[in-house]
Full PDB file with SEQRES, HELIX, SHEET, SSBOND, CRYST1, ORIGX, SCALE, CONECT and MASTER records, all heavy atoms in Angstrom:
SEQRES   1 A   42  ILE THR PHE SER THR LEU ARG ASP LEU GLN CYS PRO VAL          
SEQRES   2 A   42  LEU GLN SER ASN GLU LEU GLN GLY LYS PRO GLU GLU SER          
SEQRES   3 A   42  CYS SER THR GLU GLU LEU PHE GLU TRP LEU GLY ALA VAL          
SEQRES   4 A   42  SER ASN GLN                                                  
HELIX    1 AA1 THR A   29  SER A   40  1                                  12    
CRYST1    1.000    1.000    1.000  90.00  90.00  90.00 P 1           1          
ORIGX1      1.000000  0.000000  0.000000        0.00000                         
ORIGX2      0.000000  1.000000  0.000000        0.00000                         
ORIGX3      0.000000  0.000000  1.000000        0.00000                         
SCALE1      1.000000  0.000000  0.000000        0.00000                         
SCALE2      0.000000  1.000000  0.000000        0.00000                         
SCALE3      0.000000  0.000000  1.000000        0.00000                         
ATOM      1  N   ILE A   1       3.499 192.190-172.914  1.00  0.00           N  
ATOM      2  CA  ILE A   1       2.596 192.859-171.982  1.00  0.00           C  
ATOM      3  C   ILE A   1       1.749 193.860-172.748  1.00  0.00           C  
ATOM      4  O   ILE A   1       2.276 194.677-173.504  1.00  0.00           O  
ATOM      5  CB  ILE A   1       3.386 193.572-170.864  1.00  0.00           C  
ATOM      6  CG1 ILE A   1       4.278 192.576-170.119  1.00  0.00           C  
ATOM      7  CG2 ILE A   1       2.433 194.279-169.909  1.00  0.00           C  
ATOM      8  CD1 ILE A   1       5.218 193.207-169.120  1.00  0.00           C  
ATOM      9  N   THR A   2       0.431 193.756-172.564  1.00  0.00           N  
ATOM     10  CA  THR A   2      -0.480 194.735-173.175  1.00  0.00           C  
ATOM     11  C   THR A   2      -1.374 195.331-172.089  1.00  0.00           C  
ATOM     12  O   THR A   2      -1.770 194.643-171.152  1.00  0.00           O  
ATOM     13  CB  THR A   2      -1.358 194.098-174.270  1.00  0.00           C  
ATOM     14  OG1 THR A   2      -2.101 193.022-173.702  1.00  0.00           O  
ATOM     15  CG2 THR A   2      -0.536 193.581-175.433  1.00  0.00           C  
ATOM     16  N   PHE A   3      -1.643 196.601-172.227  1.00  0.00           N  
ATOM     17  CA  PHE A   3      -2.517 197.314-171.310  1.00  0.00           C  
ATOM     18  C   PHE A   3      -3.691 197.876-172.084  1.00  0.00           C  
ATOM     19  O   PHE A   3      -3.529 198.318-173.219  1.00  0.00           O  
ATOM     20  CB  PHE A   3      -1.783 198.501-170.659  1.00  0.00           C  
ATOM     21  CG  PHE A   3      -0.623 198.109-169.802  1.00  0.00           C  
ATOM     22  CD1 PHE A   3       0.668 198.119-170.312  1.00  0.00           C  
ATOM     23  CD2 PHE A   3      -0.807 197.747-168.481  1.00  0.00           C  
ATOM     24  CE1 PHE A   3       1.747 197.776-169.529  1.00  0.00           C  
ATOM     25  CE2 PHE A   3       0.271 197.391-167.680  1.00  0.00           C  
ATOM     26  CZ  PHE A   3       1.546 197.410-168.204  1.00  0.00           C  
ATOM     27  N   SER A   4      -4.844 197.865-171.467  1.00  0.00           N  
ATOM     28  CA  SER A   4      -5.981 198.553-172.069  1.00  0.00           C  
ATOM     29  C   SER A   4      -6.836 199.147-170.957  1.00  0.00           C  
ATOM     30  O   SER A   4      -6.876 198.626-169.845  1.00  0.00           O  
ATOM     31  CB  SER A   4      -6.803 197.619-172.960  1.00  0.00           C  
ATOM     32  OG  SER A   4      -7.213 196.485-172.257  1.00  0.00           O  
ATOM     33  N   THR A   5      -7.464 200.244-171.278  1.00  0.00           N  
ATOM     34  CA  THR A   5      -8.361 200.913-170.342  1.00  0.00           C  
ATOM     35  C   THR A   5      -9.773 200.699-170.846  1.00  0.00           C  
ATOM     36  O   THR A   5     -10.071 200.978-172.012  1.00  0.00           O  
ATOM     37  CB  THR A   5      -8.047 202.420-170.267  1.00  0.00           C  
ATOM     38  OG1 THR A   5      -6.689 202.573-169.861  1.00  0.00           O  
ATOM     39  CG2 THR A   5      -8.960 203.116-169.278  1.00  0.00           C  
ATOM     40  N   LEU A   6     -10.612 200.172-169.990  1.00  0.00           N  
ATOM     41  CA  LEU A   6     -12.011 199.935-170.338  1.00  0.00           C  
ATOM     42  C   LEU A   6     -12.831 201.052-169.694  1.00  0.00           C  
ATOM     43  O   LEU A   6     -12.738 201.278-168.491  1.00  0.00           O  
ATOM     44  CB  LEU A   6     -12.453 198.563-169.834  1.00  0.00           C  
ATOM     45  CG  LEU A   6     -11.546 197.396-170.237  1.00  0.00           C  
ATOM     46  CD1 LEU A   6     -11.961 196.124-169.524  1.00  0.00           C  
ATOM     47  CD2 LEU A   6     -11.564 197.207-171.739  1.00  0.00           C  
ATOM     48  N   ARG A   7     -13.596 201.739-170.468  1.00  0.00           N  
ATOM     49  CA  ARG A   7     -14.372 202.870-169.959  1.00  0.00           C  
ATOM     50  C   ARG A   7     -15.844 202.495-169.835  1.00  0.00           C  
ATOM     51  O   ARG A   7     -16.371 201.739-170.638  1.00  0.00           O  
ATOM     52  CB  ARG A   7     -14.219 204.059-170.881  1.00  0.00           C  
ATOM     53  CG  ARG A   7     -12.754 204.448-171.060  1.00  0.00           C  
ATOM     54  CD  ARG A   7     -12.582 205.938-171.063  1.00  0.00           C  
ATOM     55  NE  ARG A   7     -11.192 206.284-171.246  1.00  0.00           N  
ATOM     56  CZ  ARG A   7     -10.383 206.653-170.263  1.00  0.00           C  
ATOM     57  NH1 ARG A   7     -10.841 206.725-169.045  1.00  0.00           N  
ATOM     58  NH2 ARG A   7      -9.127 206.956-170.509  1.00  0.00           N  
ATOM     59  N   ASP A   8     -16.464 203.054-168.802  1.00  0.00           N  
ATOM     60  CA  ASP A   8     -17.892 202.825-168.534  1.00  0.00           C  
ATOM     61  C   ASP A   8     -18.224 201.334-168.575  1.00  0.00           C  
ATOM     62  O   ASP A   8     -19.132 200.903-169.270  1.00  0.00           O  
ATOM     63  CB  ASP A   8     -18.754 203.606-169.526  1.00  0.00           C  
ATOM     64  CG  ASP A   8     -18.501 205.099-169.438  1.00  0.00           C  
ATOM     65  OD1 ASP A   8     -18.317 205.603-168.310  1.00  0.00           O  
ATOM     66  OD2 ASP A   8     -18.485 205.760-170.494  1.00  0.00           O  
ATOM     67  N   LEU A   9     -17.478 200.578-167.816  1.00  0.00           N  
ATOM     68  CA  LEU A   9     -17.631 199.122-167.792  1.00  0.00           C  
ATOM     69  C   LEU A   9     -18.644 198.718-166.729  1.00  0.00           C  
ATOM     70  O   LEU A   9     -18.543 199.117-165.570  1.00  0.00           O  
ATOM     71  CB  LEU A   9     -16.290 198.454-167.494  1.00  0.00           C  
ATOM     72  CG  LEU A   9     -16.298 196.930-167.432  1.00  0.00           C  
ATOM     73  CD1 LEU A   9     -16.622 196.339-168.805  1.00  0.00           C  
ATOM     74  CD2 LEU A   9     -14.951 196.418-166.931  1.00  0.00           C  
ATOM     75  N   GLN A  10     -19.623 197.946-167.148  1.00  0.00           N  
ATOM     76  CA  GLN A  10     -20.608 197.428-166.207  1.00  0.00           C  
ATOM     77  C   GLN A  10     -19.983 196.233-165.496  1.00  0.00           C  
ATOM     78  O   GLN A  10     -19.572 195.261-166.124  1.00  0.00           O  
ATOM     79  CB  GLN A  10     -21.876 197.019-166.944  1.00  0.00           C  
ATOM     80  CG  GLN A  10     -23.052 196.848-166.025  1.00  0.00           C  
ATOM     81  CD  GLN A  10     -24.354 196.705-166.798  1.00  0.00           C  
ATOM     82  OE1 GLN A  10     -24.359 196.584-168.013  1.00  0.00           O  
ATOM     83  NE2 GLN A  10     -25.441 196.712-166.068  1.00  0.00           N  
ATOM     84  N   CYS A  11     -19.882 196.315-164.156  1.00  0.00           N  
ATOM     85  CA  CYS A  11     -19.225 195.292-163.341  1.00  0.00           C  
ATOM     86  C   CYS A  11     -20.207 194.693-162.344  1.00  0.00           C  
ATOM     87  O   CYS A  11     -21.029 195.407-161.774  1.00  0.00           O  
ATOM     88  CB  CYS A  11     -18.076 195.900-162.542  1.00  0.00           C  
ATOM     89  SG  CYS A  11     -16.725 196.496-163.537  1.00  0.00           S  
ATOM     90  N   PRO A  12     -20.086 193.398-162.085  1.00  0.00           N  
ATOM     91  CA  PRO A  12     -20.948 192.785-161.077  1.00  0.00           C  
ATOM     92  C   PRO A  12     -20.613 193.295-159.679  1.00  0.00           C  
ATOM     93  O   PRO A  12     -19.469 193.621-159.386  1.00  0.00           O  
ATOM     94  CB  PRO A  12     -20.648 191.292-161.204  1.00  0.00           C  
ATOM     95  CG  PRO A  12     -19.368 191.195-161.936  1.00  0.00           C  
ATOM     96  CD  PRO A  12     -19.186 192.446-162.710  1.00  0.00           C  
ATOM     97  N   VAL A  13     -21.614 193.376-158.840  1.00  0.00           N  
ATOM     98  CA  VAL A  13     -21.417 193.726-157.435  1.00  0.00           C  
ATOM     99  C   VAL A  13     -21.065 192.448-156.689  1.00  0.00           C  
ATOM    100  O   VAL A  13     -21.765 191.435-156.815  1.00  0.00           O  
ATOM    101  CB  VAL A  13     -22.695 194.376-156.845  1.00  0.00           C  
ATOM    102  CG1 VAL A  13     -22.552 194.569-155.340  1.00  0.00           C  
ATOM    103  CG2 VAL A  13     -22.985 195.697-157.542  1.00  0.00           C  
ATOM    104  N   LEU A  14     -19.959 192.481-155.925  1.00  0.00           N  
ATOM    105  CA  LEU A  14     -19.489 191.301-155.198  1.00  0.00           C  
ATOM    106  C   LEU A  14     -19.371 191.624-153.718  1.00  0.00           C  
ATOM    107  O   LEU A  14     -19.073 192.755-153.348  1.00  0.00           O  
ATOM    108  CB  LEU A  14     -18.108 190.879-155.703  1.00  0.00           C  
ATOM    109  CG  LEU A  14     -17.960 190.588-157.189  1.00  0.00           C  
ATOM    110  CD1 LEU A  14     -16.519 190.273-157.517  1.00  0.00           C  
ATOM    111  CD2 LEU A  14     -18.862 189.446-157.606  1.00  0.00           C  
ATOM    112  N   GLN A  15     -19.593 190.605-152.904  1.00  0.00           N  
ATOM    113  CA  GLN A  15     -19.339 190.696-151.467  1.00  0.00           C  
ATOM    114  C   GLN A  15     -18.459 189.519-151.099  1.00  0.00           C  
ATOM    115  O   GLN A  15     -18.784 188.358-151.425  1.00  0.00           O  
ATOM    116  CB  GLN A  15     -20.650 190.670-150.684  1.00  0.00           C  
ATOM    117  CG  GLN A  15     -21.485 191.914-150.900  1.00  0.00           C  
ATOM    118  CD  GLN A  15     -22.766 191.897-150.075  1.00  0.00           C  
ATOM    119  OE1 GLN A  15     -22.979 191.037-149.241  1.00  0.00           O  
ATOM    120  NE2 GLN A  15     -23.615 192.872-150.343  1.00  0.00           N  
ATOM    121  N   SER A  16     -17.366 189.797-150.430  1.00  0.00           N  
ATOM    122  CA  SER A  16     -16.371 188.758-150.161  1.00  0.00           C  
ATOM    123  C   SER A  16     -16.925 187.581-149.368  1.00  0.00           C  
ATOM    124  O   SER A  16     -16.463 186.454-149.524  1.00  0.00           O  
ATOM    125  CB  SER A  16     -15.172 189.350-149.418  1.00  0.00           C  
ATOM    126  OG  SER A  16     -15.552 189.837-148.150  1.00  0.00           O  
ATOM    127  N   ASN A  17     -17.932 187.813-148.543  1.00  0.00           N  
ATOM    128  CA  ASN A  17     -18.476 186.721-147.724  1.00  0.00           C  
ATOM    129  C   ASN A  17     -19.675 186.029-148.364  1.00  0.00           C  
ATOM    130  O   ASN A  17     -20.313 185.201-147.731  1.00  0.00           O  
ATOM    131  CB  ASN A  17     -18.849 187.244-146.334  1.00  0.00           C  
ATOM    132  CG  ASN A  17     -19.881 188.358-146.400  1.00  0.00           C  
ATOM    133  OD1 ASN A  17     -20.145 188.908-147.459  1.00  0.00           O  
ATOM    134  ND2 ASN A  17     -20.446 188.704-145.264  1.00  0.00           N  
ATOM    135  N   GLU A  18     -19.975 186.339-149.609  1.00  0.00           N  
ATOM    136  CA  GLU A  18     -21.127 185.747-150.296  1.00  0.00           C  
ATOM    137  C   GLU A  18     -20.693 185.029-151.567  1.00  0.00           C  
ATOM    138  O   GLU A  18     -20.804 185.571-152.662  1.00  0.00           O  
ATOM    139  CB  GLU A  18     -22.165 186.826-150.637  1.00  0.00           C  
ATOM    140  CG  GLU A  18     -22.869 187.416-149.450  1.00  0.00           C  
ATOM    141  CD  GLU A  18     -23.746 186.396-148.732  1.00  0.00           C  
ATOM    142  OE1 GLU A  18     -24.187 185.417-149.353  1.00  0.00           O  
ATOM    143  OE2 GLU A  18     -23.971 186.587-147.528  1.00  0.00           O  
ATOM    144  N   LEU A  19     -20.192 183.797-151.441  1.00  0.00           N  
ATOM    145  CA  LEU A  19     -19.753 183.040-152.618  1.00  0.00           C  
ATOM    146  C   LEU A  19     -20.904 182.711-153.552  1.00  0.00           C  
ATOM    147  O   LEU A  19     -20.728 182.657-154.772  1.00  0.00           O  
ATOM    148  CB  LEU A  19     -19.062 181.746-152.180  1.00  0.00           C  
ATOM    149  CG  LEU A  19     -17.761 181.922-151.403  1.00  0.00           C  
ATOM    150  CD1 LEU A  19     -17.299 180.582-150.850  1.00  0.00           C  
ATOM    151  CD2 LEU A  19     -16.705 182.547-152.260  1.00  0.00           C  
ATOM    152  N   GLN A  20     -22.077 182.446-152.998  1.00  0.00           N  
ATOM    153  CA  GLN A  20     -23.239 182.091-153.808  1.00  0.00           C  
ATOM    154  C   GLN A  20     -23.987 183.314-154.296  1.00  0.00           C  
ATOM    155  O   GLN A  20     -24.912 183.195-155.100  1.00  0.00           O  
ATOM    156  CB  GLN A  20     -24.188 181.188-153.014  1.00  0.00           C  
ATOM    157  CG  GLN A  20     -23.552 179.906-152.523  1.00  0.00           C  
ATOM    158  CD  GLN A  20     -22.987 179.076-153.660  1.00  0.00           C  
ATOM    159  OE1 GLN A  20     -23.598 178.947-154.718  1.00  0.00           O  
ATOM    160  NE2 GLN A  20     -21.804 178.524-153.461  1.00  0.00           N  
ATOM    161  N   GLY A  21     -23.611 184.492-153.802  1.00  0.00           N  
ATOM    162  CA  GLY A  21     -24.326 185.712-154.151  1.00  0.00           C  
ATOM    163  C   GLY A  21     -25.659 185.768-153.429  1.00  0.00           C  
ATOM    164  O   GLY A  21     -26.108 184.787-152.829  1.00  0.00           O  
ATOM    165  N   LYS A  22     -26.277 186.938-153.450  1.00  0.00           N  
ATOM    166  CA  LYS A  22     -27.602 187.124-152.864  1.00  0.00           C  
ATOM    167  C   LYS A  22     -28.434 187.891-153.871  1.00  0.00           C  
ATOM    168  O   LYS A  22     -27.972 188.897-154.418  1.00  0.00           O  
ATOM    169  CB  LYS A  22     -27.521 187.944-151.573  1.00  0.00           C  
ATOM    170  CG  LYS A  22     -27.147 187.168-150.354  1.00  0.00           C  
ATOM    171  CD  LYS A  22     -27.309 188.049-149.126  1.00  0.00           C  
ATOM    172  CE  LYS A  22     -27.093 187.238-147.872  1.00  0.00           C  
ATOM    173  NZ  LYS A  22     -27.144 188.093-146.681  1.00  0.00           N  
ATOM    174  N   PRO A  23     -29.655 187.427-154.121  1.00  0.00           N  
ATOM    175  CA  PRO A  23     -30.506 188.145-155.078  1.00  0.00           C  
ATOM    176  C   PRO A  23     -30.602 189.629-154.719  1.00  0.00           C  
ATOM    177  O   PRO A  23     -30.806 189.987-153.563  1.00  0.00           O  
ATOM    178  CB  PRO A  23     -31.866 187.448-154.950  1.00  0.00           C  
ATOM    179  CG  PRO A  23     -31.539 186.096-154.400  1.00  0.00           C  
ATOM    180  CD  PRO A  23     -30.330 186.281-153.531  1.00  0.00           C  
ATOM    181  N   GLU A  24     -30.380 190.467-155.709  1.00  0.00           N  
ATOM    182  CA  GLU A  24     -30.468 191.923-155.613  1.00  0.00           C  
ATOM    183  C   GLU A  24     -29.420 192.548-154.697  1.00  0.00           C  
ATOM    184  O   GLU A  24     -29.458 193.733-154.427  1.00  0.00           O  
ATOM    185  CB  GLU A  24     -31.875 192.358-155.194  1.00  0.00           C  
ATOM    186  CG  GLU A  24     -32.927 191.925-156.206  1.00  0.00           C  
ATOM    187  CD  GLU A  24     -34.320 192.395-155.830  1.00  0.00           C  
ATOM    188  OE1 GLU A  24     -34.453 193.408-155.142  1.00  0.00           O  
ATOM    189  OE2 GLU A  24     -35.276 191.728-156.265  1.00  0.00           O  
ATOM    190  N   GLU A  25     -28.435 191.745-154.207  1.00  0.00           N  
ATOM    191  CA  GLU A  25     -27.378 192.295-153.361  1.00  0.00           C  
ATOM    192  C   GLU A  25     -25.987 192.057-153.928  1.00  0.00           C  
ATOM    193  O   GLU A  25     -25.145 192.940-153.900  1.00  0.00           O  
ATOM    194  CB  GLU A  25     -27.446 191.713-151.945  1.00  0.00           C  
ATOM    195  CG  GLU A  25     -28.587 192.240-151.119  1.00  0.00           C  
ATOM    196  CD  GLU A  25     -28.545 191.706-149.695  1.00  0.00           C  
ATOM    197  OE1 GLU A  25     -27.433 191.455-149.175  1.00  0.00           O  
ATOM    198  OE2 GLU A  25     -29.623 191.528-149.119  1.00  0.00           O  
ATOM    199  N   SER A  26     -25.734 190.838-154.421  1.00  0.00           N  
ATOM    200  CA  SER A  26     -24.402 190.527-154.932  1.00  0.00           C  
ATOM    201  C   SER A  26     -24.463 189.346-155.900  1.00  0.00           C  
ATOM    202  O   SER A  26     -25.403 188.565-155.887  1.00  0.00           O  
ATOM    203  CB  SER A  26     -23.444 190.206-153.779  1.00  0.00           C  
ATOM    204  OG  SER A  26     -23.857 189.047-153.101  1.00  0.00           O  
ATOM    205  N   CYS A  27     -23.413 189.239-156.716  1.00  0.00           N  
ATOM    206  CA  CYS A  27     -23.319 188.166-157.707  1.00  0.00           C  
ATOM    207  C   CYS A  27     -22.498 187.005-157.151  1.00  0.00           C  
ATOM    208  O   CYS A  27     -21.715 187.162-156.223  1.00  0.00           O  
ATOM    209  CB  CYS A  27     -22.659 188.697-158.974  1.00  0.00           C  
ATOM    210  SG  CYS A  27     -23.640 189.968-159.789  1.00  0.00           S  
ATOM    211  N   SER A  28     -22.662 185.850-157.745  1.00  0.00           N  
ATOM    212  CA  SER A  28     -21.967 184.641-157.305  1.00  0.00           C  
ATOM    213  C   SER A  28     -20.598 184.519-157.972  1.00  0.00           C  
ATOM    214  O   SER A  28     -20.287 185.225-158.935  1.00  0.00           O  
ATOM    215  CB  SER A  28     -22.803 183.408-157.645  1.00  0.00           C  
ATOM    216  OG  SER A  28     -22.823 183.207-159.041  1.00  0.00           O  
ATOM    217  N   THR A  29     -19.804 183.582-157.472  1.00  0.00           N  
ATOM    218  CA  THR A  29     -18.489 183.328-158.046  1.00  0.00           C  
ATOM    219  C   THR A  29     -18.596 182.852-159.497  1.00  0.00           C  
ATOM    220  O   THR A  29     -17.792 183.235-160.342  1.00  0.00           O  
ATOM    221  CB  THR A  29     -17.726 182.273-157.216  1.00  0.00           C  
ATOM    222  OG1 THR A  29     -18.496 181.072-157.169  1.00  0.00           O  
ATOM    223  CG2 THR A  29     -17.460 182.772-155.818  1.00  0.00           C  
ATOM    224  N   GLU A  30     -19.618 182.027-159.784  1.00  0.00           N  
ATOM    225  CA  GLU A  30     -19.791 181.528-161.156  1.00  0.00           C  
ATOM    226  C   GLU A  30     -20.145 182.658-162.117  1.00  0.00           C  
ATOM    227  O   GLU A  30     -19.646 182.714-163.242  1.00  0.00           O  
ATOM    228  CB  GLU A  30     -20.880 180.446-161.219  1.00  0.00           C  
ATOM    229  CG  GLU A  30     -20.526 179.158-160.527  1.00  0.00           C  
ATOM    230  CD  GLU A  30     -20.891 179.163-159.033  1.00  0.00           C  
ATOM    231  OE1 GLU A  30     -21.489 180.160-158.551  1.00  0.00           O  
ATOM    232  OE2 GLU A  30     -20.564 178.182-158.364  1.00  0.00           O  
ATOM    233  N   GLU A  31     -21.004 183.556-161.676  1.00  0.00           N  
ATOM    234  CA  GLU A  31     -21.379 184.691-162.524  1.00  0.00           C  
ATOM    235  C   GLU A  31     -20.170 185.583-162.797  1.00  0.00           C  
ATOM    236  O   GLU A  31     -19.963 186.042-163.921  1.00  0.00           O  
ATOM    237  CB  GLU A  31     -22.494 185.506-161.864  1.00  0.00           C  
ATOM    238  CG  GLU A  31     -23.824 184.786-161.817  1.00  0.00           C  
ATOM    239  CD  GLU A  31     -24.860 185.528-160.978  1.00  0.00           C  
ATOM    240  OE1 GLU A  31     -24.514 185.998-159.863  1.00  0.00           O  
ATOM    241  OE2 GLU A  31     -26.003 185.628-161.445  1.00  0.00           O  
ATOM    242  N   LEU A  32     -19.357 185.805-161.764  1.00  0.00           N  
ATOM    243  CA  LEU A  32     -18.151 186.611-161.948  1.00  0.00           C  
ATOM    244  C   LEU A  32     -17.205 185.949-162.928  1.00  0.00           C  
ATOM    245  O   LEU A  32     -16.659 186.599-163.818  1.00  0.00           O  
ATOM    246  CB  LEU A  32     -17.432 186.825-160.616  1.00  0.00           C  
ATOM    247  CG  LEU A  32     -16.057 187.480-160.771  1.00  0.00           C  
ATOM    248  CD1 LEU A  32     -16.203 188.946-161.145  1.00  0.00           C  
ATOM    249  CD2 LEU A  32     -15.214 187.290-159.555  1.00  0.00           C  
ATOM    250  N   PHE A  33     -16.993 184.651-162.793  1.00  0.00           N  
ATOM    251  CA  PHE A  33     -16.062 183.917-163.649  1.00  0.00           C  
ATOM    252  C   PHE A  33     -16.473 184.032-165.116  1.00  0.00           C  
ATOM    253  O   PHE A  33     -15.639 184.259-165.993  1.00  0.00           O  
ATOM    254  CB  PHE A  33     -16.024 182.461-163.185  1.00  0.00           C  
ATOM    255  CG  PHE A  33     -14.814 181.706-163.625  1.00  0.00           C  
ATOM    256  CD1 PHE A  33     -13.550 182.090-163.238  1.00  0.00           C  
ATOM    257  CD2 PHE A  33     -14.952 180.573-164.409  1.00  0.00           C  
ATOM    258  CE1 PHE A  33     -12.426 181.376-163.627  1.00  0.00           C  
ATOM    259  CE2 PHE A  33     -13.843 179.852-164.807  1.00  0.00           C  
ATOM    260  CZ  PHE A  33     -12.578 180.254-164.411  1.00  0.00           C  
ATOM    261  N   GLU A  34     -17.760 183.888-165.379  1.00  0.00           N  
ATOM    262  CA  GLU A  34     -18.265 184.020-166.745  1.00  0.00           C  
ATOM    263  C   GLU A  34     -18.084 185.447-167.254  1.00  0.00           C  
ATOM    264  O   GLU A  34     -17.666 185.671-168.388  1.00  0.00           O  
ATOM    265  CB  GLU A  34     -19.740 183.620-166.778  1.00  0.00           C  
ATOM    266  CG  GLU A  34     -20.324 183.583-168.165  1.00  0.00           C  
ATOM    267  CD  GLU A  34     -21.753 183.075-168.170  1.00  0.00           C  
ATOM    268  OE1 GLU A  34     -22.534 183.432-167.264  1.00  0.00           O  
ATOM    269  OE2 GLU A  34     -22.082 182.329-169.100  1.00  0.00           O  
ATOM    270  N   TRP A  35     -18.370 186.421-166.401  1.00  0.00           N  
ATOM    271  CA  TRP A  35     -18.222 187.830-166.773  1.00  0.00           C  
ATOM    272  C   TRP A  35     -16.764 188.156-167.089  1.00  0.00           C  
ATOM    273  O   TRP A  35     -16.474 188.837-168.066  1.00  0.00           O  
ATOM    274  CB  TRP A  35     -18.748 188.709-165.637  1.00  0.00           C  
ATOM    275  CG  TRP A  35     -18.569 190.169-165.860  1.00  0.00           C  
ATOM    276  CD1 TRP A  35     -19.395 190.999-166.574  1.00  0.00           C  
ATOM    277  CD2 TRP A  35     -17.506 190.992-165.370  1.00  0.00           C  
ATOM    278  NE1 TRP A  35     -18.896 192.283-166.548  1.00  0.00           N  
ATOM    279  CE2 TRP A  35     -17.739 192.298-165.815  1.00  0.00           C  
ATOM    280  CE3 TRP A  35     -16.386 190.746-164.593  1.00  0.00           C  
ATOM    281  CZ2 TRP A  35     -16.886 193.354-165.516  1.00  0.00           C  
ATOM    282  CZ3 TRP A  35     -15.529 191.796-164.295  1.00  0.00           C  
ATOM    283  CH2 TRP A  35     -15.786 193.074-164.752  1.00  0.00           C  
ATOM    284  N   LEU A  36     -15.825 187.648-166.271  1.00  0.00           N  
ATOM    285  CA  LEU A  36     -14.403 187.886-166.519  1.00  0.00           C  
ATOM    286  C   LEU A  36     -13.983 187.349-167.888  1.00  0.00           C  
ATOM    287  O   LEU A  36     -13.207 187.984-168.600  1.00  0.00           O  
ATOM    288  CB  LEU A  36     -13.545 187.228-165.440  1.00  0.00           C  
ATOM    289  CG  LEU A  36     -13.452 187.938-164.106  1.00  0.00           C  
ATOM    290  CD1 LEU A  36     -12.744 187.060-163.088  1.00  0.00           C  
ATOM    291  CD2 LEU A  36     -12.760 189.272-164.249  1.00  0.00           C  
ATOM    292  N   GLY A  37     -14.488 186.173-168.233  1.00  0.00           N  
ATOM    293  CA  GLY A  37     -14.184 185.612-169.549  1.00  0.00           C  
ATOM    294  C   GLY A  37     -14.678 186.507-170.668  1.00  0.00           C  
ATOM    295  O   GLY A  37     -13.985 186.732-171.657  1.00  0.00           O  
ATOM    296  N   ALA A  38     -15.870 187.053-170.508  1.00  0.00           N  
ATOM    297  CA  ALA A  38     -16.428 187.945-171.531  1.00  0.00           C  
ATOM    298  C   ALA A  38     -15.611 189.226-171.635  1.00  0.00           C  
ATOM    299  O   ALA A  38     -15.285 189.677-172.742  1.00  0.00           O  
ATOM    300  CB  ALA A  38     -17.885 188.265-171.210  1.00  0.00           C  
ATOM    301  N   VAL A  39     -15.243 189.806-170.504  1.00  0.00           N  
ATOM    302  CA  VAL A  39     -14.474 191.055-170.511  1.00  0.00           C  
ATOM    303  C   VAL A  39     -13.093 190.832-171.102  1.00  0.00           C  
ATOM    304  O   VAL A  39     -12.637 191.608-171.945  1.00  0.00           O  
ATOM    305  CB  VAL A  39     -14.374 191.652-169.089  1.00  0.00           C  
ATOM    306  CG1 VAL A  39     -13.368 192.793-169.036  1.00  0.00           C  
ATOM    307  CG2 VAL A  39     -15.734 192.141-168.625  1.00  0.00           C  
ATOM    308  N   SER A  40     -12.412 189.764-170.696  1.00  0.00           N  
ATOM    309  CA  SER A  40     -11.060 189.533-171.203  1.00  0.00           C  
ATOM    310  C   SER A  40     -11.043 189.217-172.690  1.00  0.00           C  
ATOM    311  O   SER A  40     -10.049 189.450-173.367  1.00  0.00           O  
ATOM    312  CB  SER A  40     -10.362 188.429-170.415  1.00  0.00           C  
ATOM    313  OG  SER A  40     -11.000 187.203-170.615  1.00  0.00           O  
ATOM    314  N   ASN A  41     -12.143 188.711-173.214  1.00  0.00           N  
ATOM    315  CA  ASN A  41     -12.241 188.432-174.651  1.00  0.00           C  
ATOM    316  C   ASN A  41     -12.950 189.541-175.410  1.00  0.00           C  
ATOM    317  O   ASN A  41     -13.309 189.367-176.573  1.00  0.00           O  
ATOM    318  CB  ASN A  41     -12.955 187.094-174.880  1.00  0.00           C  
ATOM    319  CG  ASN A  41     -12.068 185.939-174.517  1.00  0.00           C  
ATOM    320  OD1 ASN A  41     -11.050 185.717-175.156  1.00  0.00           O  
ATOM    321  ND2 ASN A  41     -12.427 185.218-173.480  1.00  0.00           N  
ATOM    322  N   GLN A  42     -13.172 190.654-174.746  1.00  0.00           N  
ATOM    323  CA  GLN A  42     -13.760 191.863-175.343  1.00  0.00           C  
ATOM    324  C   GLN A  42     -15.123 191.598-175.968  1.00  0.00           C  
ATOM    325  O   GLN A  42     -15.448 192.102-177.042  1.00  0.00           O  
ATOM    326  CB  GLN A  42     -12.796 192.479-176.343  1.00  0.00           C  
ATOM    327  CG  GLN A  42     -11.487 192.862-175.697  1.00  0.00           C  
ATOM    328  CD  GLN A  42     -10.458 193.369-176.683  1.00  0.00           C  
ATOM    329  OE1 GLN A  42     -10.617 193.260-177.895  1.00  0.00           O  
ATOM    330  NE2 GLN A  42      -9.387 193.925-176.162  1.00  0.00           N  
TER     331      GLN A  42                                                      
MASTER        0    0    0    1    0    0    0    6  330    1    0    4          
END                                                                             
């Protein structure tokens, strides 16, 4: 088990009822998935 604290992390804005995202309001599931991969791989 490893723990790390990420500071000043830029995170996508998500809305639970918007899977496809909305321009200028929220990100899509695909965008989040790609972002998670980038964050977890530092």
